[in-house]
N, C-alpha and C. Protein backbone atom coordinates (compact mmCIF):
# COMPACT_ATOMS: atom_id res chain seq x y z
N MET A 1 0.44 -1.19 -0.28
CA MET A 1 -0.21 -0.58 0.59
C MET A 1 0.96 1.53 -0.32
N LYS A 2 0.22 2.31 -0.38
CA LYS A 2 0.96 3.79 -0.33
C LYS A 2 0.78 4.52 -0.71
N LYS A 3 0.85 5.97 0.00
CA LYS A 3 0.11 7.15 0.66
C LYS A 3 0.28 7.63 -0.64
N HIS A 4 -1.86 8.48 -1.25
CA HIS A 4 -1.54 9.40 -2.34
C HIS A 4 -2.60 10.36 -1.80
N ASN A 5 -1.90 12.10 -1.59
CA ASN A 5 -3.16 12.94 -0.71
C ASN A 5 -3.70 12.06 0.09
N GLY A 6 -2.94 12.00 1.04
CA GLY A 6 -2.76 11.50 2.93
C GLY A 6 -3.95 10.40 2.60
N ARG A 7 -4.58 9.56 1.13
CA ARG A 7 -4.93 8.31 1.58
C ARG A 7 -4.30 7.64 0.99
N LEU A 8 -4.58 5.60 1.93
CA LEU A 8 -3.97 4.56 1.25
C LEU A 8 -4.90 4.16 0.45
N VAL A 9 -3.51 3.41 -0.65
CA VAL A 9 -4.75 3.72 -2.27
C VAL A 9 -3.08 1.67 -1.99
N VAL A 10 -4.28 0.77 -2.24
CA VAL A 10 -3.42 -0.64 -3.22
C VAL A 10 -3.08 -1.18 -4.51
N GLU A 11 -2.02 -0.31 -4.21
CA GLU A 11 -0.46 -0.38 -5.72
C GLU A 11 -1.38 -1.45 -6.60
N GLY A 12 -1.27 -0.61 -7.70
CA GLY A 12 -1.81 -2.12 -8.71
C GLY A 12 -3.54 -2.10 -8.47
N ILE A 13 -3.81 -1.86 -7.93
CA ILE A 13 -5.67 -2.19 -8.24
C ILE A 13 -6.27 -2.27 -9.34
N TYR A 14 -6.07 -1.07 -10.29
CA TYR A 14 -6.82 -0.03 -11.23
C TYR A 14 -5.82 -1.29 -12.73
N ASN A 15 -4.88 -1.97 -12.03
CA ASN A 15 -4.85 -2.55 -13.36
C ASN A 15 -5.40 -3.77 -13.92
N TYR A 16 -6.98 -3.90 -12.51
CA TYR A 16 -7.70 -4.59 -12.84
C TYR A 16 -9.31 -3.88 -12.88
N CYS A 17 -9.36 -2.65 -12.80
CA CYS A 17 -10.18 -2.12 -13.19
C CYS A 17 -10.96 -2.21 -14.54
N ASP A 18 -11.95 -1.84 -14.44
CA ASP A 18 -13.41 -2.27 -15.81
C ASP A 18 -13.43 -0.85 -15.86
N ARG A 19 -13.67 -0.09 -15.29
CA ARG A 19 -13.48 1.60 -14.93
C ARG A 19 -15.52 1.78 -14.34
N TRP A 20 -16.27 0.64 -14.23
CA TRP A 20 -17.68 0.82 -13.47
C TRP A 20 -17.81 1.44 -12.00
N CYS A 21 -16.68 2.63 -11.30
CA CYS A 21 -16.46 3.04 -9.93
C CYS A 21 -17.69 2.91 -9.48
N GLU A 22 -19.11 3.69 -10.23
CA GLU A 22 -19.42 3.15 -9.57
C GLU A 22 -21.02 0.94 -8.54
N ARG A 23 -19.91 0.94 -8.93
CA ARG A 23 -20.32 -0.82 -8.97
C ARG A 23 -18.92 -1.31 -7.69
N CYS A 24 -17.97 -0.27 -7.69
CA CYS A 24 -16.43 -0.96 -7.03
C CYS A 24 -16.32 -0.84 -6.00
N THR A 25 -16.26 -1.87 -4.31
CA THR A 25 -15.62 -1.63 -3.79
C THR A 25 -14.42 -1.30 -2.88
N TYR A 26 -13.88 -1.43 -4.42
CA TYR A 26 -12.87 -0.61 -4.02
C TYR A 26 -12.18 0.47 -3.97
N THR A 27 -13.26 1.78 -4.66
CA THR A 27 -13.11 3.21 -5.20
C THR A 27 -11.93 3.58 -3.14
N SER A 28 -12.58 3.56 -1.95
CA SER A 28 -11.20 4.40 -1.25
C SER A 28 -10.10 3.46 -1.20
N ARG A 29 -9.62 2.59 -2.16
CA ARG A 29 -8.34 2.35 -2.27
C ARG A 29 -7.91 2.60 -3.52
N CYS A 30 -8.23 2.75 -4.52
CA CYS A 30 -7.86 2.68 -5.74
C CYS A 30 -7.03 4.52 -6.30
N LEU A 31 -5.88 3.95 -6.24
CA LEU A 31 -5.51 5.42 -7.51
C LEU A 31 -6.06 6.22 -8.63
N ASN A 32 -6.24 5.88 -9.13
CA ASN A 32 -7.45 5.74 -11.17
C ASN A 32 -8.41 6.85 -9.52
N TYR A 33 -9.03 5.77 -9.39
CA TYR A 33 -10.53 6.31 -8.32
C TYR A 33 -10.29 8.05 -7.77
N ALA A 34 -9.79 8.80 -6.95
CA ALA A 34 -9.02 8.96 -6.50
C ALA A 34 -8.25 10.28 -7.32
N ILE A 35 -7.58 9.98 -8.21
CA ILE A 35 -7.36 10.33 -9.89
C ILE A 35 -8.46 11.39 -9.80
N ASP A 36 -9.20 10.41 -9.84
CA ASP A 36 -10.21 10.95 -10.85
C ASP A 36 -10.78 11.40 -9.96
N GLN A 37 -11.79 11.77 -8.80
CA GLN A 37 -12.18 12.38 -7.47
C GLN A 37 -12.18 14.32 -7.90
N GLU A 38 -9.72 13.92 -7.83
CA GLU A 38 -9.69 14.99 -8.00
C GLU A 38 -9.81 15.98 -9.14
N LYS A 39 -10.12 15.25 -10.83
CA LYS A 39 -9.58 16.05 -12.15
C LYS A 39 -11.21 15.71 -11.76
N PHE A 40 -12.00 15.07 -11.95
CA PHE A 40 -13.76 15.16 -12.15
C PHE A 40 -14.92 15.10 -11.00
N GLY A 41 -14.41 15.43 -10.09
CA GLY A 41 -15.73 15.16 -9.32
C GLY A 41 -15.89 13.47 -9.63
N ASP A 42 -16.71 13.88 -8.05
CA ASP A 42 -16.90 12.47 -7.82
C ASP A 42 -18.20 11.04 -8.96
N MET A 43 -17.45 10.51 -8.73
CA MET A 43 -18.15 9.58 -10.32
C MET A 43 -19.79 9.26 -9.69
N LYS A 44 -19.23 8.57 -8.48
CA LYS A 44 -20.48 7.74 -7.96
C LYS A 44 -22.06 9.26 -7.88
N GLU A 45 -21.95 10.30 -7.94
CA GLU A 45 -23.08 11.42 -7.26
C GLU A 45 -23.13 11.57 -9.06
N LYS A 46 -21.98 10.92 -10.60
CA LYS A 46 -23.03 11.91 -11.09
C LYS A 46 -23.73 11.35 -12.60
N ASP A 47 -24.66 10.98 -13.01
CA ASP A 47 -25.21 10.05 -14.23
C ASP A 47 -24.70 10.20 -15.42
N ILE A 48 -23.50 8.94 -16.02
CA ILE A 48 -22.27 9.42 -16.55
C ILE A 48 -23.17 8.48 -18.53
N THR A 49 -23.16 9.02 -19.09
CA THR A 49 -23.02 8.13 -20.29
C THR A 49 -22.09 6.91 -20.56
N THR A 50 -22.97 6.45 -21.26
CA THR A 50 -21.84 5.23 -21.61
C THR A 50 -20.34 5.96 -23.22
N THR A 51 -20.91 7.40 -23.27
CA THR A 51 -20.01 7.86 -24.36
C THR A 51 -19.18 8.90 -23.12
N GLY A 52 -19.97 9.03 -21.63
CA GLY A 52 -19.14 9.98 -20.84
C GLY A 52 -17.55 9.36 -20.47
N LYS A 53 -18.85 7.66 -20.02
CA LYS A 53 -16.91 6.64 -19.16
C LYS A 53 -15.96 6.62 -20.15
N ILE A 54 -16.92 6.10 -22.19
CA ILE A 54 -15.31 5.66 -22.98
C ILE A 54 -14.69 7.11 -23.00
N TYR A 55 -15.45 8.52 -22.72
CA TYR A 55 -13.46 9.59 -23.04
C TYR A 55 -12.90 9.12 -21.59
N PHE A 56 -13.58 9.37 -20.24
CA PHE A 56 -12.39 9.01 -18.89
C PHE A 56 -11.73 8.11 -18.89
N THR A 57 -12.50 7.08 -19.41
CA THR A 57 -11.34 5.50 -20.33
C THR A 57 -10.34 6.50 -20.32
N ASN A 58 -10.10 7.35 -21.62
CA ASN A 58 -9.49 7.66 -22.79
C ASN A 58 -8.48 8.00 -22.21
N ILE A 59 -9.20 8.90 -21.01
CA ILE A 59 -7.92 10.26 -20.52
C ILE A 59 -7.27 9.21 -19.28
N VAL A 60 -7.36 8.25 -19.16
CA VAL A 60 -7.20 7.18 -17.85
C VAL A 60 -5.53 6.68 -18.80
N PHE A 61 -6.10 6.32 -20.04
CA PHE A 61 -5.65 5.62 -20.68
C PHE A 61 -4.33 6.66 -21.71
N ILE A 62 -4.78 7.85 -21.64
CA ILE A 62 -3.32 9.17 -22.46
C ILE A 62 -2.81 9.33 -20.83
N ARG A 63 -3.38 9.14 -20.09
CA ARG A 63 -2.30 9.90 -18.92
C ARG A 63 -2.01 8.59 -18.45
N THR A 64 -2.02 6.92 -19.01
CA THR A 64 -0.68 5.31 -18.24
C THR A 64 0.22 6.08 -18.61
N ASN A 65 -0.58 6.05 -20.64
CA ASN A 65 0.60 5.96 -21.21
C ASN A 65 2.00 7.16 -21.47
N LYS A 66 1.60 8.37 -20.94
CA LYS A 66 2.57 9.93 -20.76
C LYS A 66 3.35 9.24 -19.44
N ARG A 67 3.47 8.10 -18.48
CA ARG A 67 4.05 8.07 -17.07
C ARG A 67 5.14 6.81 -17.79
N HIS A 68 4.87 5.97 -18.61
CA HIS A 68 5.30 5.21 -18.55
C HIS A 68 5.92 4.67 -19.49
N CYS A 69 6.34 5.94 -21.34
CA CYS A 69 6.80 6.09 -21.84
C CYS A 69 7.91 7.25 -21.97
């Protein structure tokens, strides 16, 4: 486990992410969820369409690619 802005997150848990955060029981320990909350607000409280989910997933892929290339 490591810390991100004062909260413990499970390293690598995002590797198993299906981007259905509103159904996930691990959001309190997920780095992707924490970053998305900081950037976009609480996703669980928003009614997001499939297009919106694809857009947000694309942003995560772009961020991940920039970090690892």
